[in-house]
Amino acid sequence: MQLRGIFAALTTPFDDSGELRLDLFERNLASYESTELAGYLVLGSSAEAIYLTTDEKRAVLRAAANVQKIKLAGTGEESLRATVEMTRYAASLGYAAAVVRTPHYYKKSMTPAALIGFYRDLADTSPIPIILYNIPPLTGIDLTLDATIALASHPNIVGLKESSGNTDKLVRLMAAGLPNFAVLVGGASTLYPSLCAGASGAILALAAAAPEACLAIENAYRAGNHARALAAQQAVLRACAAFEALSIAGLKGAVDVAGDGARYGGPPRKPQLPLTAAQKQALAEAFAGLRIAVPAS
């Protein structure tokens, strides 16, 4: 497994009544398989994993088990015991690694020492490698630089999905020179500067809607064409602003409008509200502009 490149943070399709649509999930996967994406994160934040029952989570993991690209499983739960169980299940299906968000419900108890203990205990028992997942905008917990460096020494902790948007922290983390530890960023709006800082790639919600635009940034950067990479980066900013302001409903709407019918976004699961007609139109305009600025190769 090489944690390098662009990974799509996949959405989970539901119908208008909130029922899981695995058939549409599999159709989406078939579309992504034809792209240059390095792989996928299944059951991440973009997948509304926190809204799924345990049985539904397992069903989604099974539905993606046979893809050809690298598959990462979001297995984070609030307790260590539940996280271990979900991680072992993902391992039994052949997932390459588990992406585990910080536990966050009992925030006052989630000290650096508690988080270090949680991840080390998990890594000690996990049959697959662990990727730390730091997303303070959703969890309210920020895995500190010192805690991350401490955890990177564990042989079964192989990387970090850093979704704080803190580029200073990213630069300091890369300067630590951690061997065999990949840093993948979680925001498309800072992809180019993150690659310049030394990130090995990214796990992006935008890649579920417009993988070609995300790949254009990375491909230009890898080719040493920084002017083209910066231009592609600037082109995605309007699309990012358009869907990120609308949370998961915005992302799923972006999957609908950017995929030209090849991919299904659909509504979010309640209590989130579906998009209005005006919001859908604004998304369509933003992503139409992105297709013009960064056409699919």
C-alpha atoms as a PDB file:
ATOM      1  CA  MET A   1       0.000   0.000   0.000  1.00  0.00           C
ATOM      2  CA  GLN A   2       1.269   3.446  -0.941  1.00  0.00           C
ATOM      3  CA  LEU A   3      -0.512   6.358   0.710  1.00  0.00           C
ATOM      4  CA  ARG A   4       0.159   8.775  -2.100  1.00  0.00           C
ATOM      5  CA  GLY A   5      -2.174  10.583  -4.474  1.00  0.00           C
ATOM      6  CA  ILE A   6      -5.804  11.610  -4.393  1.00  0.00           C
ATOM      7  CA  PHE A   7      -8.374   9.514  -2.551  1.00  0.00           C
ATOM      8  CA  ALA A   8     -12.090  10.267  -2.810  1.00  0.00           C
ATOM      9  CA  ALA A   9     -14.042  10.541   0.426  1.00  0.00           C
ATOM     10  CA  LEU A  10     -17.155   8.727  -0.764  1.00  0.00           C
ATOM     11  CA  THR A  11     -20.739   9.661  -0.022  1.00  0.00           C
ATOM     12  CA  THR A  12     -23.433   7.173   0.984  1.00  0.00           C
ATOM     13  CA  PRO A  13     -26.543   7.249  -1.243  1.00  0.00           C
ATOM     14  CA  PHE A  14     -30.029   7.357   0.269  1.00  0.00           C
ATOM     15  CA  ASP A  15     -33.404   7.659  -1.392  1.00  0.00           C
ATOM     16  CA  ASP A  16     -35.888  10.400  -0.503  1.00  0.00           C
ATOM     17  CA  SER A  17     -37.174   8.378   2.453  1.00  0.00           C
ATOM     18  CA  GLY A  18     -33.677   7.934   3.880  1.00  0.00           C
ATOM     19  CA  GLU A  19     -33.243   4.298   2.887  1.00  0.00           C
ATOM     20  CA  LEU A  20     -29.771   3.075   1.984  1.00  0.00           C
ATOM     21  CA  ARG A  21     -29.250   2.576  -1.771  1.00  0.00           C
ATOM     22  CA  LEU A  22     -26.363   0.178  -2.176  1.00  0.00           C
ATOM     23  CA  ASP A  23     -27.139  -0.260  -5.869  1.00  0.00           C
ATOM     24  CA  LEU A  24     -26.425   3.421  -6.456  1.00  0.00           C
ATOM     25  CA  PHE A  25     -23.329   3.244  -4.273  1.00  0.00           C
ATOM     26  CA  GLU A  26     -22.017   0.442  -6.474  1.00  0.00           C
ATOM     27  CA  ARG A  27     -22.844   2.450  -9.591  1.00  0.00           C
ATOM     28  CA  ASN A  28     -20.839   5.355  -8.213  1.00  0.00           C
ATOM     29  CA  LEU A  29     -17.905   3.055  -7.487  1.00  0.00           C
ATOM     30  CA  ALA A  30     -17.906   1.788 -11.067  1.00  0.00           C
ATOM     31  CA  SER A  31     -17.622   5.372 -12.278  1.00  0.00           C
ATOM     32  CA  TYR A  32     -14.740   6.193  -9.923  1.00  0.00           C
ATOM     33  CA  GLU A  33     -12.866   3.043 -10.937  1.00  0.00           C
ATOM     34  CA  SER A  34     -12.356   4.527 -14.397  1.00  0.00           C
ATOM     35  CA  THR A  35     -10.561   7.605 -13.012  1.00  0.00           C
ATOM     36  CA  GLU A  36      -6.930   8.061 -11.943  1.00  0.00           C
ATOM     37  CA  LEU A  37      -7.880   8.258  -8.263  1.00  0.00           C
ATOM     38  CA  ALA A  38      -5.493   6.368  -5.980  1.00  0.00           C
ATOM     39  CA  GLY A  39      -8.376   4.975  -3.966  1.00  0.00           C
ATOM     40  CA  TYR A  40     -11.307   5.685  -1.708  1.00  0.00           C
ATOM     41  CA  LEU A  41     -12.273   6.338   1.875  1.00  0.00           C
ATOM     42  CA  VAL A  42     -15.463   4.432   2.666  1.00  0.00           C
ATOM     43  CA  LEU A  43     -17.454   5.527   5.750  1.00  0.00           C
ATOM     44  CA  GLY A  44     -15.657   8.792   6.347  1.00  0.00           C
ATOM     45  CA  SER A  45     -17.309  12.048   7.375  1.00  0.00           C
ATOM     46  CA  SER A  46     -18.557  12.578   3.807  1.00  0.00           C
ATOM     47  CA  ALA A  47     -20.363   9.240   4.051  1.00  0.00           C
ATOM     48  CA  GLU A  48     -22.577  10.323   6.966  1.00  0.00           C
ATOM     49  CA  ALA A  49     -21.154   7.337   8.815  1.00  0.00           C
ATOM     50  CA  ILE A  50     -22.292   8.769  12.120  1.00  0.00           C
ATOM     51  CA  TYR A  51     -25.912   8.377  10.911  1.00  0.00           C
ATOM     52  CA  LEU A  52     -25.581   4.715   9.899  1.00  0.00           C
ATOM     53  CA  THR A  53     -26.436   1.707  12.011  1.00  0.00           C
ATOM     54  CA  THR A  54     -23.753  -0.910  12.582  1.00  0.00           C
ATOM     55  CA  ASP A  55     -25.462  -3.238  10.116  1.00  0.00           C
ATOM     56  CA  GLU A  56     -25.607  -0.484   7.496  1.00  0.00           C
ATOM     57  CA  LYS A  57     -21.935   0.318   7.976  1.00  0.00           C
ATOM     58  CA  ARG A  58     -21.017  -3.301   7.434  1.00  0.00           C
ATOM     59  CA  ALA A  59     -23.224  -3.459   4.348  1.00  0.00           C
ATOM     60  CA  VAL A  60     -21.502  -0.403   2.845  1.00  0.00           C
ATOM     61  CA  LEU A  61     -18.072  -1.867   3.592  1.00  0.00           C
ATOM     62  CA  ARG A  62     -19.083  -5.106   1.855  1.00  0.00           C
ATOM     63  CA  ALA A  63     -20.394  -3.220  -1.173  1.00  0.00           C
ATOM     64  CA  ALA A  64     -16.971  -1.639  -1.778  1.00  0.00           C
ATOM     65  CA  ALA A  65     -14.891  -4.682  -0.868  1.00  0.00           C
ATOM     66  CA  ASN A  66     -14.088  -5.736  -4.434  1.00  0.00           C
ATOM     67  CA  VAL A  67     -12.896  -2.451  -5.940  1.00  0.00           C
ATOM     68  CA  GLN A  68      -9.498  -2.497  -7.615  1.00  0.00           C
ATOM     69  CA  LYS A  69      -8.132   0.728  -6.185  1.00  0.00           C
ATOM     70  CA  ILE A  70      -6.864   1.134  -2.616  1.00  0.00           C
ATOM     71  CA  LYS A  71      -9.755   1.064  -0.191  1.00  0.00           C
ATOM     72  CA  LEU A  72      -9.628   2.696   3.220  1.00  0.00           C
ATOM     73  CA  ALA A  73     -12.327   2.113   5.839  1.00  0.00           C
ATOM     74  CA  GLY A  74     -13.590   4.707   8.270  1.00  0.00           C
ATOM     75  CA  THR A  75     -13.909   2.625  11.423  1.00  0.00           C
ATOM     76  CA  GLY A  76     -13.893   5.238  14.172  1.00  0.00           C
ATOM     77  CA  GLU A  77     -16.442   4.873  16.964  1.00  0.00           C
ATOM     78  CA  GLU A  78     -16.651   6.600  20.321  1.00  0.00           C
ATOM     79  CA  SER A  79     -15.375   3.635  22.322  1.00  0.00           C
ATOM     80  CA  LEU A  80     -12.189   1.685  21.816  1.00  0.00           C
ATOM     81  CA  ARG A  81     -14.087  -1.611  21.913  1.00  0.00           C
ATOM     82  CA  ALA A  82     -16.490  -0.637  19.127  1.00  0.00           C
ATOM     83  CA  THR A  83     -13.653   0.791  17.031  1.00  0.00           C
ATOM     84  CA  VAL A  84     -11.659  -2.426  17.388  1.00  0.00           C
ATOM     85  CA  GLU A  85     -14.671  -4.474  16.263  1.00  0.00           C
ATOM     86  CA  MET A  86     -15.347  -2.308  13.202  1.00  0.00           C
ATOM     87  CA  THR A  87     -11.665  -2.261  12.279  1.00  0.00           C
ATOM     88  CA  ARG A  88     -11.413  -6.032  12.468  1.00  0.00           C
ATOM     89  CA  TYR A  89     -14.494  -6.339  10.278  1.00  0.00           C
ATOM     90  CA  ALA A  90     -12.965  -4.032   7.659  1.00  0.00           C
ATOM     91  CA  ALA A  91      -9.775  -6.083   7.791  1.00  0.00           C
ATOM     92  CA  SER A  92     -11.744  -9.268   7.136  1.00  0.00           C
ATOM     93  CA  LEU A  93     -12.989  -7.695   3.893  1.00  0.00           C
ATOM     94  CA  GLY A  94      -9.529  -6.829   2.664  1.00  0.00           C
ATOM     95  CA  TYR A  95      -9.399  -3.106   3.409  1.00  0.00           C
ATOM     96  CA  ALA A  96      -5.863  -1.732   3.227  1.00  0.00           C
ATOM     97  CA  ALA A  97      -6.076   0.466   6.311  1.00  0.00           C
ATOM     98  CA  ALA A  98      -8.507   1.983   8.796  1.00  0.00           C
ATOM     99  CA  VAL A  99      -9.017   5.748   9.010  1.00  0.00           C
ATOM    100  CA  VAL A 100     -10.027   6.480  12.600  1.00  0.00           C
ATOM    101  CA  ARG A 101     -11.371   9.848  13.705  1.00  0.00           C
ATOM    102  CA  THR A 102     -10.682  11.149  17.176  1.00  0.00           C
ATOM    103  CA  PRO A 103     -13.325  10.174  19.763  1.00  0.00           C
ATOM    104  CA  HIS A 104     -15.005  13.424  20.741  1.00  0.00           C
ATOM    105  CA  TYR A 105     -18.302  13.125  22.618  1.00  0.00           C
ATOM    106  CA  TYR A 106     -16.767  13.449  26.098  1.00  0.00           C
ATOM    107  CA  LYS A 107     -14.545  16.332  25.086  1.00  0.00           C
ATOM    108  CA  LYS A 108     -13.165  17.203  28.520  1.00  0.00           C
ATOM    109  CA  SER A 109     -11.846  13.662  28.857  1.00  0.00           C
ATOM    110  CA  MET A 110     -10.246  13.575  25.418  1.00  0.00           C
ATOM    111  CA  THR A 111      -6.848  14.800  26.549  1.00  0.00           C
ATOM    112  CA  PRO A 112      -3.713  14.158  24.503  1.00  0.00           C
ATOM    113  CA  ALA A 113      -2.879  11.303  26.880  1.00  0.00           C
ATOM    114  CA  ALA A 114      -6.322   9.729  26.381  1.00  0.00           C
ATOM    115  CA  LEU A 115      -6.087  10.008  22.596  1.00  0.00           C
ATOM    116  CA  ILE A 116      -2.565   8.597  22.509  1.00  0.00           C
ATOM    117  CA  GLY A 117      -3.734   5.671  24.614  1.00  0.00           C
ATOM    118  CA  PHE A 118      -6.773   5.109  22.405  1.00  0.00           C
ATOM    119  CA  TYR A 119      -4.784   4.980  19.178  1.00  0.00           C
ATOM    120  CA  ARG A 120      -1.947   2.905  20.587  1.00  0.00           C
ATOM    121  CA  ASP A 121      -4.336   0.332  22.029  1.00  0.00           C
ATOM    122  CA  LEU A 122      -6.182   0.185  18.717  1.00  0.00           C
ATOM    123  CA  ALA A 123      -2.981  -0.161  16.707  1.00  0.00           C
ATOM    124  CA  ASP A 124      -1.731  -2.914  19.018  1.00  0.00           C
ATOM    125  CA  THR A 125      -4.774  -5.061  18.220  1.00  0.00           C
ATOM    126  CA  SER A 126      -5.586  -4.065  14.629  1.00  0.00           C
ATOM    127  CA  PRO A 127      -4.775  -6.517  11.822  1.00  0.00           C
ATOM    128  CA  ILE A 128      -4.492  -3.592   9.377  1.00  0.00           C
ATOM    129  CA  PRO A 129      -2.600  -0.297   9.609  1.00  0.00           C
ATOM    130  CA  ILE A 130      -4.188   2.715  11.290  1.00  0.00           C
ATOM    131  CA  ILE A 131      -4.447   6.197   9.807  1.00  0.00           C
ATOM    132  CA  LEU A 132      -5.181   8.925  12.336  1.00  0.00           C
ATOM    133  CA  TYR A 133      -8.052  11.245  11.401  1.00  0.00           C
ATOM    134  CA  ASN A 134      -8.047  14.789  12.765  1.00  0.00           C
ATOM    135  CA  ILE A 135     -11.119  16.832  11.864  1.00  0.00           C
ATOM    136  CA  PRO A 136     -11.714  19.460  14.575  1.00  0.00           C
ATOM    137  CA  PRO A 137     -14.354  21.417  12.590  1.00  0.00           C
ATOM    138  CA  LEU A 138     -16.684  18.421  13.139  1.00  0.00           C
ATOM    139  CA  THR A 139     -15.382  16.820  16.339  1.00  0.00           C
ATOM    140  CA  GLY A 140     -14.241  19.852  18.307  1.00  0.00           C
ATOM    141  CA  ILE A 141     -11.087  17.887  19.135  1.00  0.00           C
ATOM    142  CA  ASP A 142      -7.703  18.789  17.678  1.00  0.00           C
ATOM    143  CA  LEU A 143      -5.068  16.074  17.783  1.00  0.00           C
ATOM    144  CA  THR A 144      -1.998  18.055  18.759  1.00  0.00           C
ATOM    145  CA  LEU A 145       1.281  18.124  16.884  1.00  0.00           C
ATOM    146  CA  ASP A 146       3.083  16.520  19.818  1.00  0.00           C
ATOM    147  CA  ALA A 147       0.493  13.735  20.109  1.00  0.00           C
ATOM    148  CA  THR A 148       0.708  13.037  16.380  1.00  0.00           C
ATOM    149  CA  ILE A 149       4.494  12.817  16.487  1.00  0.00           C
ATOM    150  CA  ALA A 150       4.298  10.471  19.475  1.00  0.00           C
ATOM    151  CA  LEU A 151       1.813   8.209  17.702  1.00  0.00           C
ATOM    152  CA  ALA A 152       3.812   8.162  14.465  1.00  0.00           C
ATOM    153  CA  SER A 153       6.434   6.035  16.197  1.00  0.00           C
ATOM    154  CA  HIS A 154       4.006   3.107  16.473  1.00  0.00           C
ATOM    155  CA  PRO A 155       4.772   0.590  13.708  1.00  0.00           C
ATOM    156  CA  ASN A 156       1.081   0.033  12.929  1.00  0.00           C
ATOM    157  CA  ILE A 157       0.172   3.738  12.700  1.00  0.00           C
ATOM    158  CA  VAL A 158       1.118   4.702   9.163  1.00  0.00           C
ATOM    159  CA  GLY A 159      -0.389   8.090   8.501  1.00  0.00           C
ATOM    160  CA  LEU A 160      -2.698  10.976   9.239  1.00  0.00           C
ATOM    161  CA  LYS A 161      -5.665  12.520   7.515  1.00  0.00           C
ATOM    162  CA  GLU A 162      -5.267  16.140   8.595  1.00  0.00           C
ATOM    163  CA  SER A 163      -8.496  18.086   8.120  1.00  0.00           C
ATOM    164  CA  SER A 164      -7.887  20.966  10.481  1.00  0.00           C
ATOM    165  CA  GLY A 165      -6.916  23.343   7.661  1.00  0.00           C
ATOM    166  CA  ASN A 166      -3.970  24.454   9.793  1.00  0.00           C
ATOM    167  CA  THR A 167      -1.123  24.841   7.320  1.00  0.00           C
ATOM    168  CA  ASP A 168       1.316  25.961  10.017  1.00  0.00           C
ATOM    169  CA  LYS A 169       0.744  22.671  11.812  1.00  0.00           C
ATOM    170  CA  LEU A 170       1.186  20.787   8.537  1.00  0.00           C
ATOM    171  CA  VAL A 171       4.521  22.464   7.842  1.00  0.00           C
ATOM    172  CA  ARG A 172       5.744  21.709  11.369  1.00  0.00           C
ATOM    173  CA  LEU A 173       4.613  18.108  11.062  1.00  0.00           C
ATOM    174  CA  MET A 174       6.475  17.636   7.800  1.00  0.00           C
ATOM    175  CA  ALA A 175       9.562  19.294   9.305  1.00  0.00           C
ATOM    176  CA  ALA A 176       9.576  16.591  11.992  1.00  0.00           C
ATOM    177  CA  GLY A 177      10.762  14.159   9.311  1.00  0.00           C
ATOM    178  CA  LEU A 178       8.631  11.217  10.440  1.00  0.00           C
ATOM    179  CA  PRO A 179       9.747   8.022   8.650  1.00  0.00           C
ATOM    180  CA  ASN A 180       7.115   5.723   7.128  1.00  0.00           C
ATOM    181  CA  PHE A 181       4.340   8.142   8.080  1.00  0.00           C
ATOM    182  CA  ALA A 182       2.169   9.649   5.337  1.00  0.00           C
ATOM    183  CA  VAL A 183       0.260  12.896   5.738  1.00  0.00           C
ATOM    184  CA  LEU A 184      -2.893  13.237   3.654  1.00  0.00           C
ATOM    185  CA  VAL A 185      -4.790  16.511   3.827  1.00  0.00           C
ATOM    186  CA  GLY A 186      -8.556  16.755   3.876  1.00  0.00           C
ATOM    187  CA  GLY A 187      -9.281  20.038   2.126  1.00  0.00           C
ATOM    188  CA  ALA A 188      -9.286  20.601  -1.644  1.00  0.00           C
ATOM    189  CA  SER A 189      -8.983  24.367  -1.212  1.00  0.00           C
ATOM    190  CA  THR A 190      -5.463  23.956   0.216  1.00  0.00           C
ATOM    191  CA  LEU A 191      -4.305  20.952  -1.831  1.00  0.00           C
ATOM    192  CA  TYR A 192      -1.545  22.677  -3.802  1.00  0.00           C
ATOM    193  CA  PRO A 193       0.123  24.422  -0.825  1.00  0.00           C
ATOM    194  CA  SER A 194      -0.181  21.200   1.168  1.00  0.00           C
ATOM    195  CA  LEU A 195       1.659  19.260  -1.539  1.00  0.00           C
ATOM    196  CA  CYS A 196       4.311  21.964  -1.593  1.00  0.00           C
ATOM    197  CA  ALA A 197       4.671  21.572   2.189  1.00  0.00           C
ATOM    198  CA  GLY A 198       5.325  17.857   1.758  1.00  0.00           C
ATOM    199  CA  ALA A 199       1.942  16.151   2.074  1.00  0.00           C
ATOM    200  CA  SER A 200       1.901  12.850   0.191  1.00  0.00           C
ATOM    201  CA  GLY A 201      -1.628  13.374  -1.063  1.00  0.00           C
ATOM    202  CA  ALA A 202      -5.169  14.005   0.067  1.00  0.00           C
ATOM    203  CA  ILE A 203      -8.487  12.404   0.987  1.00  0.00           C
ATOM    204  CA  LEU A 204     -11.031  14.810  -0.441  1.00  0.00           C
ATOM    205  CA  ALA A 205     -14.779  15.255  -0.467  1.00  0.00           C
ATOM    206  CA  LEU A 206     -14.443  17.247  -3.687  1.00  0.00           C
ATOM    207  CA  ALA A 207     -12.879  14.176  -5.311  1.00  0.00           C
ATOM    208  CA  ALA A 208     -16.234  12.409  -4.926  1.00  0.00           C
ATOM    209  CA  ALA A 209     -17.846  15.107  -7.049  1.00  0.00           C
ATOM    210  CA  ALA A 210     -15.053  16.303  -9.355  1.00  0.00           C
ATOM    211  CA  PRO A 211     -12.116  13.890  -9.195  1.00  0.00           C
ATOM    212  CA  GLU A 212     -10.595  15.253 -12.408  1.00  0.00           C
ATOM    213  CA  ALA A 213     -10.244  18.748 -10.925  1.00  0.00           C
ATOM    214  CA  CYS A 214      -8.436  17.407  -7.861  1.00  0.00           C
ATOM    215  CA  LEU A 215      -6.208  15.211  -9.996  1.00  0.00           C
ATOM    216  CA  ALA A 216      -5.345  18.177 -12.227  1.00  0.00           C
ATOM    217  CA  ILE A 217      -3.766  19.940  -9.251  1.00  0.00           C
ATOM    218  CA  GLU A 218      -1.769  16.907  -8.174  1.00  0.00           C
ATOM    219  CA  ASN A 219      -0.682  15.901 -11.678  1.00  0.00           C
ATOM    220  CA  ALA A 220       0.586  19.394 -12.463  1.00  0.00           C
ATOM    221  CA  TYR A 221       2.437  19.543  -9.153  1.00  0.00           C
ATOM    222  CA  ARG A 222       4.081  16.127  -9.676  1.00  0.00           C
ATOM    223  CA  ALA A 223       5.124  17.211 -13.174  1.00  0.00           C
ATOM    224  CA  GLY A 224       6.801  20.311 -11.767  1.00  0.00           C
ATOM    225  CA  ASN A 225       4.374  22.657 -13.511  1.00  0.00           C
ATOM    226  CA  HIS A 226       3.625  24.886 -10.558  1.00  0.00           C
ATOM    227  CA  ALA A 227       1.921  27.580 -12.616  1.00  0.00           C
ATOM    228  CA  ARG A 228      -0.597  25.041 -13.920  1.00  0.00           C
ATOM    229  CA  ALA A 229      -1.049  23.527 -10.447  1.00  0.00           C
ATOM    230  CA  LEU A 230      -1.750  26.950  -8.968  1.00  0.00           C
ATOM    231  CA  ALA A 231      -4.202  27.776 -11.738  1.00  0.00           C
ATOM    232  CA  ALA A 232      -6.050  24.501 -11.169  1.00  0.00           C
ATOM    233  CA  GLN A 233      -6.039  25.188  -7.422  1.00  0.00           C
ATOM    234  CA  GLN A 234      -7.551  28.609  -7.931  1.00  0.00           C
ATOM    235  CA  ALA A 235     -10.190  27.131 -10.235  1.00  0.00           C
ATOM    236  CA  VAL A 236     -11.553  24.791  -7.563  1.00  0.00           C
ATOM    237  CA  LEU A 237     -12.015  27.527  -4.958  1.00  0.00           C
ATOM    238  CA  ARG A 238     -15.453  28.616  -6.162  1.00  0.00           C
ATOM    239  CA  ALA A 239     -16.681  25.022  -6.265  1.00  0.00           C
ATOM    240  CA  CYS A 240     -15.333  24.388  -2.758  1.00  0.00           C
ATOM    241  CA  ALA A 241     -17.023  27.499  -1.406  1.00  0.00           C
ATOM    242  CA  ALA A 242     -20.291  26.531  -3.075  1.00  0.00           C
ATOM    243  CA  PHE A 243     -20.640  23.028  -1.626  1.00  0.00           C
ATOM    244  CA  GLU A 244     -18.787  23.373   1.679  1.00  0.00           C
ATOM    245  CA  ALA A 245     -21.159  26.070   2.903  1.00  0.00           C
ATOM    246  CA  LEU A 246     -24.033  23.579   2.535  1.00  0.00           C
ATOM    247  CA  SER A 247     -22.365  20.726   4.430  1.00  0.00           C
ATOM    248  CA  ILE A 248     -23.199  17.143   3.383  1.00  0.00           C
ATOM    249  CA  ALA A 249     -26.265  18.212   1.416  1.00  0.00           C
ATOM    250  CA  GLY A 250     -23.993  20.466  -0.608  1.00  0.00           C
ATOM    251  CA  LEU A 251     -21.475  17.721  -1.258  1.00  0.00           C
ATOM    252  CA  LYS A 252     -24.148  15.280  -2.367  1.00  0.00           C
ATOM    253  CA  GLY A 253     -25.672  17.957  -4.568  1.00  0.00           C
ATOM    254  CA  ALA A 254     -22.230  18.512  -6.075  1.00  0.00           C
ATOM    255  CA  VAL A 255     -21.945  14.778  -6.831  1.00  0.00           C
ATOM    256  CA  ASP A 256     -25.270  15.049  -8.658  1.00  0.00           C
ATOM    257  CA  VAL A 257     -24.428  18.108 -10.755  1.00  0.00           C
ATOM    258  CA  ALA A 258     -20.762  17.366 -11.470  1.00  0.00           C
ATOM    259  CA  GLY A 259     -21.108  13.748 -12.546  1.00  0.00           C
ATOM    260  CA  ASP A 260     -23.295  14.329 -15.616  1.00  0.00           C
ATOM    261  CA  GLY A 261     -25.601  11.532 -14.491  1.00  0.00           C
ATOM    262  CA  ALA A 262     -22.837   8.984 -13.937  1.00  0.00           C
ATOM    263  CA  ARG A 263     -22.910   9.405 -10.163  1.00  0.00           C
ATOM    264  CA  TYR A 264     -25.707   9.760  -7.658  1.00  0.00           C
ATOM    265  CA  GLY A 265     -25.536  12.117  -4.694  1.00  0.00           C
ATOM    266  CA  GLY A 266     -29.127  12.354  -3.530  1.00  0.00           C
ATOM    267  CA  PRO A 267     -30.401  13.784  -0.265  1.00  0.00           C
ATOM    268  CA  PRO A 268     -28.667  13.685   3.112  1.00  0.00           C
ATOM    269  CA  ARG A 269     -30.148  11.671   5.924  1.00  0.00           C
ATOM    270  CA  LYS A 270     -32.333  13.547   8.427  1.00  0.00           C
ATOM    271  CA  PRO A 271     -32.057  15.677  10.503  1.00  0.00           C
ATOM    272  CA  GLN A 272     -30.072  17.333   7.724  1.00  0.00           C
ATOM    273  CA  LEU A 273     -32.250  19.109   5.213  1.00  0.00           C
ATOM    274  CA  PRO A 274     -32.168  18.584   1.433  1.00  0.00           C
ATOM    275  CA  LEU A 275     -31.101  21.394  -0.862  1.00  0.00           C
ATOM    276  CA  THR A 276     -33.549  23.965  -2.127  1.00  0.00           C
ATOM    277  CA  ALA A 277     -33.998  24.542  -5.842  1.00  0.00           C
ATOM    278  CA  ALA A 278     -32.002  27.772  -5.588  1.00  0.00           C
ATOM    279  CA  GLN A 279     -29.131  26.011  -3.835  1.00  0.00           C
ATOM    280  CA  LYS A 280     -29.064  23.293  -6.482  1.00  0.00           C
ATOM    281  CA  GLN A 281     -28.927  25.915  -9.218  1.00  0.00           C
ATOM    282  CA  ALA A 282     -26.042  27.723  -7.519  1.00  0.00           C
ATOM    283  CA  LEU A 283     -24.122  24.462  -7.252  1.00  0.00           C
ATOM    284  CA  ALA A 284     -24.768  23.648 -10.905  1.00  0.00           C
ATOM    285  CA  GLU A 285     -23.394  27.029 -11.957  1.00  0.00           C
ATOM    286  CA  ALA A 286     -20.292  26.688  -9.777  1.00  0.00           C
ATOM    287  CA  PHE A 287     -19.452  23.239 -11.086  1.00  0.00           C
ATOM    288  CA  ALA A 288     -20.189  24.186 -14.683  1.00  0.00           C
ATOM    289  CA  GLY A 289     -17.561  26.882 -14.268  1.00  0.00           C
ATOM    290  CA  LEU A 290     -15.143  24.339 -12.825  1.00  0.00           C
ATOM    291  CA  ARG A 291     -15.588  22.027 -15.833  1.00  0.00           C
ATOM    292  CA  ILE A 292     -14.724  24.911 -18.142  1.00  0.00           C
ATOM    293  CA  ALA A 293     -11.667  25.930 -16.109  1.00  0.00           C
ATOM    294  CA  VAL A 294     -10.400  22.383 -15.480  1.00  0.00           C
ATOM    295  CA  PRO A 295     -11.817  20.099 -18.198  1.00  0.00           C
ATOM    296  CA  ALA A 296     -11.602  16.347 -17.773  1.00  0.00           C
ATOM    297  CA  SER A 297      -8.591  14.889 -19.566  1.00  0.00           C
END
